[in-house]
Amino acid sequence: RCTPVWANRRFVEADLRIVVGDIEPHQFQGFSGGVKTAIGLAGKA
């Protein structure tokens, strides 16, 4: 919607892409968890 998406090539090319995290209140995302963890595999932009 508002973000250019750059991602880790190894993750993108993997046969299975699983992210792990926790769900808790988050100051501007509303809540953490879910696919938000994938940001940890994103590019700086």
ModelCIF file with pLDDT and N, C-alpha, C, O atoms, coordinates in Angstrom:
data_MODEL
#
_entry.id   MODEL 
#
_entity.id                         1 
_entity.type                       polymer 
_entity.pdbx_number_of_molecules   1 
#
_entity_poly.entity_id                      1 
_entity_poly.type                           'polypeptide(L)' 
_entity_poly.nstd_linkage                   no 
_entity_poly.nstd_monomer                   no 
_entity_poly.pdbx_seq_one_letter_code       RCTPVWANRRFVEADLRIVVGDIEPHQFQGFSGGVKTAIGLAGKA 
_entity_poly.pdbx_seq_one_letter_code_can   RCTPVWANRRFVEADLRIVVGDIEPHQFQGFSGGVKTAIGLAGKA 
_entity_poly.pdbx_strand_id                 A 
#
loop_
_entity_poly_seq.entity_id 
_entity_poly_seq.num 
_entity_poly_seq.mon_id 
_entity_poly_seq.hetero 
1 1  ARG n 
1 2  CYS n 
1 3  THR n 
1 4  PRO n 
1 5  VAL n 
1 6  TRP n 
1 7  ALA n 
1 8  ASN n 
1 9  ARG n 
1 10 ARG n 
1 11 PHE n 
1 12 VAL n 
1 13 GLU n 
1 14 ALA n 
1 15 ASP n 
1 16 LEU n 
1 17 ARG n 
1 18 ILE n 
1 19 VAL n 
1 20 VAL n 
1 21 GLY n 
1 22 ASP n 
1 23 ILE n 
1 24 GLU n 
1 25 PRO n 
1 26 HIS n 
1 27 GLN n 
1 28 PHE n 
1 29 GLN n 
1 30 GLY n 
1 31 PHE n 
1 32 SER n 
1 33 GLY n 
1 34 GLY n 
1 35 VAL n 
1 36 LYS n 
1 37 THR n 
1 38 ALA n 
1 39 ILE n 
1 40 GLY n 
1 41 LEU n 
1 42 ALA n 
1 43 GLY n 
1 44 LYS n 
1 45 ALA n 
#
_struct_asym.id          A 
_struct_asym.entity_id   1 
#
loop_
_ma_qa_metric.id 
_ma_qa_metric.mode 
_ma_qa_metric.name 
_ma_qa_metric.software_group_id 
_ma_qa_metric.type 
1 global pLDDT . pLDDT 
2 local  pLDDT . pLDDT 
#
_ma_qa_metric_global.metric_id      1 
_ma_qa_metric_global.metric_value   91.47 
_ma_qa_metric_global.model_id       1 
_ma_qa_metric_global.ordinal_id     1 
#
loop_
_ma_qa_metric_local.label_asym_id 
_ma_qa_metric_local.label_comp_id 
_ma_qa_metric_local.label_seq_id 
_ma_qa_metric_local.metric_id 
_ma_qa_metric_local.metric_value 
_ma_qa_metric_local.model_id 
_ma_qa_metric_local.ordinal_id 
A ARG 1  2 89.00 1 1  
A CYS 2  2 87.00 1 2  
A THR 3  2 94.00 1 3  
A PRO 4  2 96.00 1 4  
A VAL 5  2 97.00 1 5  
A TRP 6  2 97.00 1 6  
A ALA 7  2 97.00 1 7  
A ASN 8  2 97.00 1 8  
A ARG 9  2 97.00 1 9  
A ARG 10 2 96.00 1 10 
A PHE 11 2 96.00 1 11 
A VAL 12 2 97.00 1 12 
A GLU 13 2 97.00 1 13 
A ALA 14 2 96.00 1 14 
A ASP 15 2 96.00 1 15 
A LEU 16 2 95.00 1 16 
A ARG 17 2 95.00 1 17 
A ILE 18 2 92.00 1 18 
A VAL 19 2 91.00 1 19 
A VAL 20 2 88.00 1 20 
A GLY 21 2 85.00 1 21 
A ASP 22 2 85.00 1 22 
A ILE 23 2 86.00 1 23 
A GLU 24 2 83.00 1 24 
A PRO 25 2 84.00 1 25 
A HIS 26 2 87.00 1 26 
A GLN 27 2 86.00 1 27 
A PHE 28 2 89.00 1 28 
A GLN 29 2 90.00 1 29 
A GLY 30 2 89.00 1 30 
A PHE 31 2 88.00 1 31 
A SER 32 2 88.00 1 32 
A GLY 33 2 88.00 1 33 
A GLY 34 2 87.00 1 34 
A VAL 35 2 89.00 1 35 
A LYS 36 2 89.00 1 36 
A THR 37 2 87.00 1 37 
A ALA 38 2 90.00 1 38 
A ILE 39 2 90.00 1 39 
A GLY 40 2 91.00 1 40 
A LEU 41 2 94.00 1 41 
A ALA 42 2 95.00 1 42 
A GLY 43 2 96.00 1 43 
A LYS 44 2 95.00 1 44 
A ALA 45 2 95.00 1 45 
#
loop_
_atom_site.group_PDB 
_atom_site.id 
_atom_site.type_symbol 
_atom_site.label_atom_id 
_atom_site.label_alt_id 
_atom_site.label_comp_id 
_atom_site.label_asym_id 
_atom_site.label_entity_id 
_atom_site.label_seq_id 
_atom_site.pdbx_PDB_ins_code 
_atom_site.Cartn_x 
_atom_site.Cartn_y 
_atom_site.Cartn_z 
_atom_site.occupancy 
_atom_site.B_iso_or_equiv 
_atom_site.pdbx_formal_charge 
_atom_site.auth_seq_id 
_atom_site.auth_comp_id 
_atom_site.auth_asym_id 
_atom_site.auth_atom_id 
_atom_site.pdbx_PDB_model_num 
ATOM 1   N N  . ARG A 1 1  ? 0.825  -1.214  0.000  1.00 89.00 ? 1  ARG A N  1 
ATOM 2   C CA . ARG A 1 1  ? 0.000  0.000   0.000  1.00 89.00 ? 1  ARG A CA 1 
ATOM 3   C C  . ARG A 1 1  ? 0.858  1.262   0.000  1.00 89.00 ? 1  ARG A C  1 
ATOM 4   O O  . ARG A 1 1  ? 0.646  2.163   -0.811 1.00 89.00 ? 1  ARG A O  1 
ATOM 5   N N  . CYS A 1 2  ? 1.819  1.323   0.905  1.00 87.00 ? 2  CYS A N  1 
ATOM 6   C CA . CYS A 1 2  ? 2.650  2.529   1.044  1.00 87.00 ? 2  CYS A CA 1 
ATOM 7   C C  . CYS A 1 2  ? 4.135  2.227   1.084  1.00 87.00 ? 2  CYS A C  1 
ATOM 8   O O  . CYS A 1 2  ? 4.932  3.135   1.318  1.00 87.00 ? 2  CYS A O  1 
ATOM 9   N N  . THR A 1 3  ? 4.531  1.003   0.867  1.00 94.00 ? 3  THR A N  1 
ATOM 10  C CA . THR A 1 3  ? 5.900  0.587   1.121  1.00 94.00 ? 3  THR A CA 1 
ATOM 11  C C  . THR A 1 3  ? 6.487  -0.198  -0.042 1.00 94.00 ? 3  THR A C  1 
ATOM 12  O O  . THR A 1 3  ? 5.864  -1.142  -0.526 1.00 94.00 ? 3  THR A O  1 
ATOM 13  N N  . PRO A 1 4  ? 7.693  0.185   -0.504 1.00 96.00 ? 4  PRO A N  1 
ATOM 14  C CA . PRO A 1 4  ? 8.385  -0.660  -1.490 1.00 96.00 ? 4  PRO A CA 1 
ATOM 15  C C  . PRO A 1 4  ? 8.852  -1.931  -0.771 1.00 96.00 ? 4  PRO A C  1 
ATOM 16  O O  . PRO A 1 4  ? 9.382  -1.860  0.338  1.00 96.00 ? 4  PRO A O  1 
ATOM 17  N N  . VAL A 1 5  ? 8.658  -3.068  -1.393 1.00 97.00 ? 5  VAL A N  1 
ATOM 18  C CA . VAL A 1 5  ? 8.967  -4.329  -0.715 1.00 97.00 ? 5  VAL A CA 1 
ATOM 19  C C  . VAL A 1 5  ? 10.229 -4.958  -1.291 1.00 97.00 ? 5  VAL A C  1 
ATOM 20  O O  . VAL A 1 5  ? 10.248 -5.462  -2.414 1.00 97.00 ? 5  VAL A O  1 
ATOM 21  N N  . TRP A 1 6  ? 11.283 -4.907  -0.480 1.00 97.00 ? 6  TRP A N  1 
ATOM 22  C CA . TRP A 1 6  ? 12.549 -5.578  -0.761 1.00 97.00 ? 6  TRP A CA 1 
ATOM 23  C C  . TRP A 1 6  ? 12.687 -6.672  0.274  1.00 97.00 ? 6  TRP A C  1 
ATOM 24  O O  . TRP A 1 6  ? 12.519 -6.421  1.468  1.00 97.00 ? 6  TRP A O  1 
ATOM 25  N N  . ALA A 1 7  ? 12.994 -7.896  -0.168 1.00 97.00 ? 7  ALA A N  1 
ATOM 26  C CA . ALA A 1 7  ? 13.039 -9.032  0.754  1.00 97.00 ? 7  ALA A CA 1 
ATOM 27  C C  . ALA A 1 7  ? 14.279 -9.884  0.524  1.00 97.00 ? 7  ALA A C  1 
ATOM 28  O O  . ALA A 1 7  ? 14.883 -9.869  -0.549 1.00 97.00 ? 7  ALA A O  1 
ATOM 29  N N  . ASN A 1 8  ? 14.634 -10.618 1.551  1.00 97.00 ? 8  ASN A N  1 
ATOM 30  C CA . ASN A 1 8  ? 15.769 -11.524 1.512  1.00 97.00 ? 8  ASN A CA 1 
ATOM 31  C C  . ASN A 1 8  ? 15.552 -12.572 0.426  1.00 97.00 ? 8  ASN A C  1 
ATOM 32  O O  . ASN A 1 8  ? 14.561 -13.301 0.439  1.00 97.00 ? 8  ASN A O  1 
ATOM 33  N N  . ARG A 1 9  ? 16.490 -12.635 -0.511 1.00 97.00 ? 9  ARG A N  1 
ATOM 34  C CA . ARG A 1 9  ? 16.376 -13.548 -1.651 1.00 97.00 ? 9  ARG A CA 1 
ATOM 35  C C  . ARG A 1 9  ? 16.255 -15.008 -1.204 1.00 97.00 ? 9  ARG A C  1 
ATOM 36  O O  . ARG A 1 9  ? 15.459 -15.764 -1.762 1.00 97.00 ? 9  ARG A O  1 
ATOM 37  N N  . ARG A 1 10 ? 17.026 -15.396 -0.222 1.00 96.00 ? 10 ARG A N  1 
ATOM 38  C CA . ARG A 1 10 ? 16.997 -16.785 0.246  1.00 96.00 ? 10 ARG A CA 1 
ATOM 39  C C  . ARG A 1 10 ? 15.608 -17.147 0.789  1.00 96.00 ? 10 ARG A C  1 
ATOM 40  O O  . ARG A 1 10 ? 15.106 -18.244 0.542  1.00 96.00 ? 10 ARG A O  1 
ATOM 41  N N  . PHE A 1 11 ? 14.994 -16.217 1.529  1.00 96.00 ? 11 PHE A N  1 
ATOM 42  C CA . PHE A 1 11 ? 13.649 -16.443 2.060  1.00 96.00 ? 11 PHE A CA 1 
ATOM 43  C C  . PHE A 1 11 ? 12.636 -16.536 0.921  1.00 96.00 ? 11 PHE A C  1 
ATOM 44  O O  . PHE A 1 11 ? 11.811 -17.450 0.896  1.00 96.00 ? 11 PHE A O  1 
ATOM 45  N N  . VAL A 1 12 ? 12.694 -15.601 -0.014 1.00 97.00 ? 12 VAL A N  1 
ATOM 46  C CA . VAL A 1 12 ? 11.742 -15.561 -1.124 1.00 97.00 ? 12 VAL A CA 1 
ATOM 47  C C  . VAL A 1 12 ? 11.830 -16.828 -1.967 1.00 97.00 ? 12 VAL A C  1 
ATOM 48  O O  . VAL A 1 12 ? 10.809 -17.328 -2.439 1.00 97.00 ? 12 VAL A O  1 
ATOM 49  N N  . GLU A 1 13 ? 13.036 -17.350 -2.161 1.00 97.00 ? 13 GLU A N  1 
ATOM 50  C CA . GLU A 1 13 ? 13.230 -18.521 -3.016 1.00 97.00 ? 13 GLU A CA 1 
ATOM 51  C C  . GLU A 1 13 ? 13.056 -19.852 -2.279 1.00 97.00 ? 13 GLU A C  1 
ATOM 52  O O  . GLU A 1 13 ? 13.148 -20.915 -2.893 1.00 97.00 ? 13 GLU A O  1 
ATOM 53  N N  . ALA A 1 14 ? 12.807 -19.800 -0.973 1.00 96.00 ? 14 ALA A N  1 
ATOM 54  C CA . ALA A 1 14 ? 12.636 -21.027 -0.189 1.00 96.00 ? 14 ALA A CA 1 
ATOM 55  C C  . ALA A 1 14 ? 11.354 -21.754 -0.584 1.00 96.00 ? 14 ALA A C  1 
ATOM 56  O O  . ALA A 1 14 ? 10.393 -21.138 -1.045 1.00 96.00 ? 14 ALA A O  1 
ATOM 57  N N  . ASP A 1 15 ? 11.354 -23.078 -0.396 1.00 96.00 ? 15 ASP A N  1 
ATOM 58  C CA . ASP A 1 15 ? 10.167 -23.880 -0.686 1.00 96.00 ? 15 ASP A CA 1 
ATOM 59  C C  . ASP A 1 15 ? 9.067  -23.649 0.349  1.00 96.00 ? 15 ASP A C  1 
ATOM 60  O O  . ASP A 1 15 ? 7.882  -23.761 0.035  1.00 96.00 ? 15 ASP A O  1 
ATOM 61  N N  . LEU A 1 16 ? 9.454  -23.332 1.563  1.00 95.00 ? 16 LEU A N  1 
ATOM 62  C CA . LEU A 1 16 ? 8.501  -23.099 2.650  1.00 95.00 ? 16 LEU A CA 1 
ATOM 63  C C  . LEU A 1 16 ? 8.958  -21.881 3.433  1.00 95.00 ? 16 LEU A C  1 
ATOM 64  O O  . LEU A 1 16 ? 10.103 -21.824 3.882  1.00 95.00 ? 16 LEU A O  1 
ATOM 65  N N  . ARG A 1 17 ? 8.076  -20.909 3.601  1.00 95.00 ? 17 ARG A N  1 
ATOM 66  C CA . ARG A 1 17 ? 8.419  -19.644 4.268  1.00 95.00 ? 17 ARG A CA 1 
ATOM 67  C C  . ARG A 1 17 ? 7.595  -19.499 5.550  1.00 95.00 ? 17 ARG A C  1 
ATOM 68  O O  . ARG A 1 17 ? 6.408  -19.175 5.505  1.00 95.00 ? 17 ARG A O  1 
ATOM 69  N N  . ILE A 1 18 ? 8.240  -19.744 6.682  1.00 92.00 ? 18 ILE A N  1 
ATOM 70  C CA . ILE A 1 18 ? 7.582  -19.682 7.993  1.00 92.00 ? 18 ILE A CA 1 
ATOM 71  C C  . ILE A 1 18 ? 8.213  -18.550 8.793  1.00 92.00 ? 18 ILE A C  1 
ATOM 72  O O  . ILE A 1 18 ? 9.437  -18.420 8.835  1.00 92.00 ? 18 ILE A O  1 
ATOM 73  N N  . VAL A 1 19 ? 7.380  -17.731 9.425  1.00 91.00 ? 19 VAL A N  1 
ATOM 74  C CA . VAL A 1 19 ? 7.867  -16.697 10.338 1.00 91.00 ? 19 VAL A CA 1 
ATOM 75  C C  . VAL A 1 19 ? 7.369  -17.035 11.738 1.00 91.00 ? 19 VAL A C  1 
ATOM 76  O O  . VAL A 1 19 ? 6.291  -17.603 11.911 1.00 91.00 ? 19 VAL A O  1 
ATOM 77  N N  . VAL A 1 20 ? 8.174  -16.676 12.729 1.00 88.00 ? 20 VAL A N  1 
ATOM 78  C CA . VAL A 1 20 ? 7.878  -17.017 14.125 1.00 88.00 ? 20 VAL A CA 1 
ATOM 79  C C  . VAL A 1 20 ? 7.937  -15.737 14.947 1.00 88.00 ? 20 VAL A C  1 
ATOM 80  O O  . VAL A 1 20 ? 8.819  -14.904 14.741 1.00 88.00 ? 20 VAL A O  1 
ATOM 81  N N  . GLY A 1 21 ? 7.020  -15.583 15.860 1.00 85.00 ? 21 GLY A N  1 
ATOM 82  C CA . GLY A 1 21 ? 7.026  -14.394 16.714 1.00 85.00 ? 21 GLY A CA 1 
ATOM 83  C C  . GLY A 1 21 ? 6.026  -14.509 17.839 1.00 85.00 ? 21 GLY A C  1 
ATOM 84  O O  . GLY A 1 21 ? 5.652  -15.608 18.249 1.00 85.00 ? 21 GLY A O  1 
ATOM 85  N N  . ASP A 1 22 ? 5.597  -13.362 18.334 1.00 85.00 ? 22 ASP A N  1 
ATOM 86  C CA . ASP A 1 22 ? 4.577  -13.336 19.375 1.00 85.00 ? 22 ASP A CA 1 
ATOM 87  C C  . ASP A 1 22 ? 3.566  -12.250 19.062 1.00 85.00 ? 22 ASP A C  1 
ATOM 88  O O  . ASP A 1 22 ? 3.835  -11.331 18.287 1.00 85.00 ? 22 ASP A O  1 
ATOM 89  N N  . ILE A 1 23 ? 2.407  -12.369 19.674 1.00 86.00 ? 23 ILE A N  1 
ATOM 90  C CA . ILE A 1 23 ? 1.362  -11.374 19.481 1.00 86.00 ? 23 ILE A CA 1 
ATOM 91  C C  . ILE A 1 23 ? 1.208  -10.610 20.790 1.00 86.00 ? 23 ILE A C  1 
ATOM 92  O O  . ILE A 1 23 ? 0.942  -11.189 21.843 1.00 86.00 ? 23 ILE A O  1 
ATOM 93  N N  . GLU A 1 24 ? 1.381  -9.295  20.694 1.00 83.00 ? 24 GLU A N  1 
ATOM 94  C CA . GLU A 1 24 ? 1.202  -8.418  21.842 1.00 83.00 ? 24 GLU A CA 1 
ATOM 95  C C  . GLU A 1 24 ? 0.830  -7.038  21.311 1.00 83.00 ? 24 GLU A C  1 
ATOM 96  O O  . GLU A 1 24 ? 1.025  -6.762  20.127 1.00 83.00 ? 24 GLU A O  1 
ATOM 97  N N  . PRO A 1 25 ? 0.304  -6.180  22.155 1.00 84.00 ? 25 PRO A N  1 
ATOM 98  C CA . PRO A 1 25 ? 0.009  -4.826  21.698 1.00 84.00 ? 25 PRO A CA 1 
ATOM 99  C C  . PRO A 1 25 ? 1.275  -4.157  21.154 1.00 84.00 ? 25 PRO A C  1 
ATOM 100 O O  . PRO A 1 25 ? 2.359  -4.309  21.716 1.00 84.00 ? 25 PRO A O  1 
ATOM 101 N N  . HIS A 1 26 ? 1.122  -3.422  20.064 1.00 87.00 ? 26 HIS A N  1 
ATOM 102 C CA . HIS A 1 26 ? 2.249  -2.733  19.437 1.00 87.00 ? 26 HIS A CA 1 
ATOM 103 C C  . HIS A 1 26 ? 1.889  -1.265  19.280 1.00 87.00 ? 26 HIS A C  1 
ATOM 104 O O  . HIS A 1 26 ? 0.767  -0.932  18.900 1.00 87.00 ? 26 HIS A O  1 
ATOM 105 N N  . GLN A 1 27 ? 2.842  -0.390  19.571 1.00 86.00 ? 27 GLN A N  1 
ATOM 106 C CA . GLN A 1 27 ? 2.570  1.039   19.677 1.00 86.00 ? 27 GLN A CA 1 
ATOM 107 C C  . GLN A 1 27 ? 2.008  1.694   18.425 1.00 86.00 ? 27 GLN A C  1 
ATOM 108 O O  . GLN A 1 27 ? 1.261  2.663   18.553 1.00 86.00 ? 27 GLN A O  1 
ATOM 109 N N  . PHE A 1 28 ? 2.322  1.223   17.222 1.00 89.00 ? 28 PHE A N  1 
ATOM 110 C CA . PHE A 1 28 ? 1.707  1.827   16.034 1.00 89.00 ? 28 PHE A CA 1 
ATOM 111 C C  . PHE A 1 28 ? 1.190  0.801   15.032 1.00 89.00 ? 28 PHE A C  1 
ATOM 112 O O  . PHE A 1 28 ? 0.493  1.173   14.088 1.00 89.00 ? 28 PHE A O  1 
ATOM 113 N N  . GLN A 1 29 ? 1.512  -0.484  15.210 1.00 90.00 ? 29 GLN A N  1 
ATOM 114 C CA . GLN A 1 29 ? 0.964  -1.535  14.344 1.00 90.00 ? 29 GLN A CA 1 
ATOM 115 C C  . GLN A 1 29 ? -0.353 -2.075  14.900 1.00 90.00 ? 29 GLN A C  1 
ATOM 116 O O  . GLN A 1 29 ? -1.019 -2.879  14.249 1.00 90.00 ? 29 GLN A O  1 
ATOM 117 N N  . GLY A 1 30 ? -0.723 -1.642  16.082 1.00 89.00 ? 30 GLY A N  1 
ATOM 118 C CA . GLY A 1 30 ? -1.908 -2.181  16.740 1.00 89.00 ? 30 GLY A CA 1 
ATOM 119 C C  . GLY A 1 30 ? -1.525 -3.402  17.548 1.00 89.00 ? 30 GLY A C  1 
ATOM 120 O O  . GLY A 1 30 ? -1.687 -3.432  18.768 1.00 89.00 ? 30 GLY A O  1 
ATOM 121 N N  . PHE A 1 31 ? -1.017 -4.409  16.857 1.00 88.00 ? 31 PHE A N  1 
ATOM 122 C CA . PHE A 1 31 ? -0.532 -5.640  17.485 1.00 88.00 ? 31 PHE A CA 1 
ATOM 123 C C  . PHE A 1 31 ? 0.655  -6.162  16.681 1.00 88.00 ? 31 PHE A C  1 
ATOM 124 O O  . PHE A 1 31 ? 0.723  -5.983  15.465 1.00 88.00 ? 31 PHE A O  1 
ATOM 125 N N  . SER A 1 32 ? 1.577  -6.804  17.370 1.00 88.00 ? 32 SER A N  1 
ATOM 126 C CA . SER A 1 32 ? 2.691  -7.456  16.693 1.00 88.00 ? 32 SER A CA 1 
ATOM 127 C C  . SER A 1 32 ? 2.223  -8.823  16.213 1.00 88.00 ? 32 SER A C  1 
ATOM 128 O O  . SER A 1 32 ? 1.051  -9.174  16.346 1.00 88.00 ? 32 SER A O  1 
ATOM 129 N N  . GLY A 1 33 ? 3.149  -9.585  15.656 1.00 88.00 ? 33 GLY A N  1 
ATOM 130 C CA . GLY A 1 33 ? 2.856  -10.954 15.260 1.00 88.00 ? 33 GLY A CA 1 
ATOM 131 C C  . GLY A 1 33 ? 2.322  -11.076 13.843 1.00 88.00 ? 33 GLY A C  1 
ATOM 132 O O  . GLY A 1 33 ? 2.264  -10.104 13.090 1.00 88.00 ? 33 GLY A O  1 
ATOM 133 N N  . GLY A 1 34 ? 1.936  -12.298 13.504 1.00 87.00 ? 34 GLY A N  1 
ATOM 134 C CA . GLY A 1 34 ? 1.478  -12.583 12.143 1.00 87.00 ? 34 GLY A CA 1 
ATOM 135 C C  . GLY A 1 34 ? 2.600  -12.332 11.157 1.00 87.00 ? 34 GLY A C  1 
ATOM 136 O O  . GLY A 1 34 ? 3.767  -12.592 11.450 1.00 87.00 ? 34 GLY A O  1 
ATOM 137 N N  . VAL A 1 35 ? 2.244  -11.827 9.994  1.00 89.00 ? 35 VAL A N  1 
ATOM 138 C CA . VAL A 1 35 ? 3.243  -11.601 8.951  1.00 89.00 ? 35 VAL A CA 1 
ATOM 139 C C  . VAL A 1 35 ? 4.150  -10.418 9.260  1.00 89.00 ? 35 VAL A C  1 
ATOM 140 O O  . VAL A 1 35 ? 5.118  -10.191 8.534  1.00 89.00 ? 35 VAL A O  1 
ATOM 141 N N  . LYS A 1 36 ? 3.865  -9.649  10.325 1.00 89.00 ? 36 LYS A N  1 
ATOM 142 C CA . LYS A 1 36 ? 4.733  -8.523  10.687 1.00 89.00 ? 36 LYS A CA 1 
ATOM 143 C C  . LYS A 1 36 ? 6.169  -8.998  10.904 1.00 89.00 ? 36 LYS A C  1 
ATOM 144 O O  . LYS A 1 36 ? 7.113  -8.253  10.640 1.00 89.00 ? 36 LYS A O  1 
ATOM 145 N N  . THR A 1 37 ? 6.339  -10.218 11.377 1.00 87.00 ? 37 THR A N  1 
ATOM 146 C CA . THR A 1 37 ? 7.666  -10.765 11.624 1.00 87.00 ? 37 THR A CA 1 
ATOM 147 C C  . THR A 1 37 ? 8.502  -10.810 10.351 1.00 87.00 ? 37 THR A C  1 
ATOM 148 O O  . THR A 1 37 ? 9.731  -10.767 10.419 1.00 87.00 ? 37 THR A O  1 
ATOM 149 N N  . ALA A 1 38 ? 7.855  -10.895 9.194  1.00 90.00 ? 38 ALA A N  1 
ATOM 150 C CA . ALA A 1 38 ? 8.582  -10.944 7.918  1.00 90.00 ? 38 ALA A CA 1 
ATOM 151 C C  . ALA A 1 38 ? 9.374  -9.663  7.670  1.00 90.00 ? 38 ALA A C  1 
ATOM 152 O O  . ALA A 1 38 ? 10.317 -9.671  6.878  1.00 90.00 ? 38 ALA A O  1 
ATOM 153 N N  . ILE A 1 39 ? 9.014  -8.570  8.327  1.00 90.00 ? 39 ILE A N  1 
ATOM 154 C CA . ILE A 1 39 ? 9.773  -7.320  8.183  1.00 90.00 ? 39 ILE A CA 1 
ATOM 155 C C  . ILE A 1 39 ? 11.239 -7.556  8.582  1.00 90.00 ? 39 ILE A C  1 
ATOM 156 O O  . ILE A 1 39 ? 12.134 -6.876  8.081  1.00 90.00 ? 39 ILE A O  1 
ATOM 157 N N  . GLY A 1 40 ? 11.477 -8.499  9.465  1.00 91.00 ? 40 GLY A N  1 
ATOM 158 C CA . GLY A 1 40 ? 12.840 -8.832  9.864  1.00 91.00 ? 40 GLY A CA 1 
ATOM 159 C C  . GLY A 1 40 ? 13.667 -9.415  8.729  1.00 91.00 ? 40 GLY A C  1 
ATOM 160 O O  . GLY A 1 40 ? 14.884 -9.547  8.855  1.00 91.00 ? 40 GLY A O  1 
ATOM 161 N N  . LEU A 1 41 ? 13.024 -9.763  7.626  1.00 94.00 ? 41 LEU A N  1 
ATOM 162 C CA . LEU A 1 41 ? 13.712 -10.295 6.446  1.00 94.00 ? 41 LEU A CA 1 
ATOM 163 C C  . LEU A 1 41 ? 13.624 -9.337  5.271  1.00 94.00 ? 41 LEU A C  1 
ATOM 164 O O  . LEU A 1 41 ? 13.817 -9.731  4.121  1.00 94.00 ? 41 LEU A O  1 
ATOM 165 N N  . ALA A 1 42 ? 13.332 -8.080  5.565  1.00 95.00 ? 42 ALA A N  1 
ATOM 166 C CA . ALA A 1 42 ? 13.147 -7.080  4.519  1.00 95.00 ? 42 ALA A CA 1 
ATOM 167 C C  . ALA A 1 42 ? 14.396 -6.227  4.350  1.00 95.00 ? 42 ALA A C  1 
ATOM 168 O O  . ALA A 1 42 ? 15.309 -6.246  5.176  1.00 95.00 ? 42 ALA A O  1 
ATOM 169 N N  . GLY A 1 43 ? 14.403 -5.476  3.250  1.00 96.00 ? 43 GLY A N  1 
ATOM 170 C CA . GLY A 1 43 ? 15.473 -4.526  3.000  1.00 96.00 ? 43 GLY A CA 1 
ATOM 171 C C  . GLY A 1 43 ? 15.232 -3.241  3.784  1.00 96.00 ? 43 GLY A C  1 
ATOM 172 O O  . GLY A 1 43 ? 14.138 -2.998  4.294  1.00 96.00 ? 43 GLY A O  1 
ATOM 173 N N  . LYS A 1 44 ? 16.275 -2.430  3.869  1.00 95.00 ? 44 LYS A N  1 
ATOM 174 C CA . LYS A 1 44 ? 16.211 -1.190  4.653  1.00 95.00 ? 44 LYS A CA 1 
ATOM 175 C C  . LYS A 1 44 ? 15.107 -0.253  4.160  1.00 95.00 ? 44 LYS A C  1 
ATOM 176 O O  . LYS A 1 44 ? 14.452 0.395   4.976  1.00 95.00 ? 44 LYS A O  1 
ATOM 177 N N  . ALA A 1 45 ? 14.884 -0.167  2.850  1.00 95.00 ? 45 ALA A N  1 
ATOM 178 C CA . ALA A 1 45 ? 13.833 0.712   2.326  1.00 95.00 ? 45 ALA A CA 1 
ATOM 179 C C  . ALA A 1 45 ? 12.461 0.282   2.836  1.00 95.00 ? 45 ALA A C  1 
ATOM 180 O O  . ALA A 1 45 ? 11.455 0.906   2.500  1.00 95.00 ? 45 ALA A O  1 
#
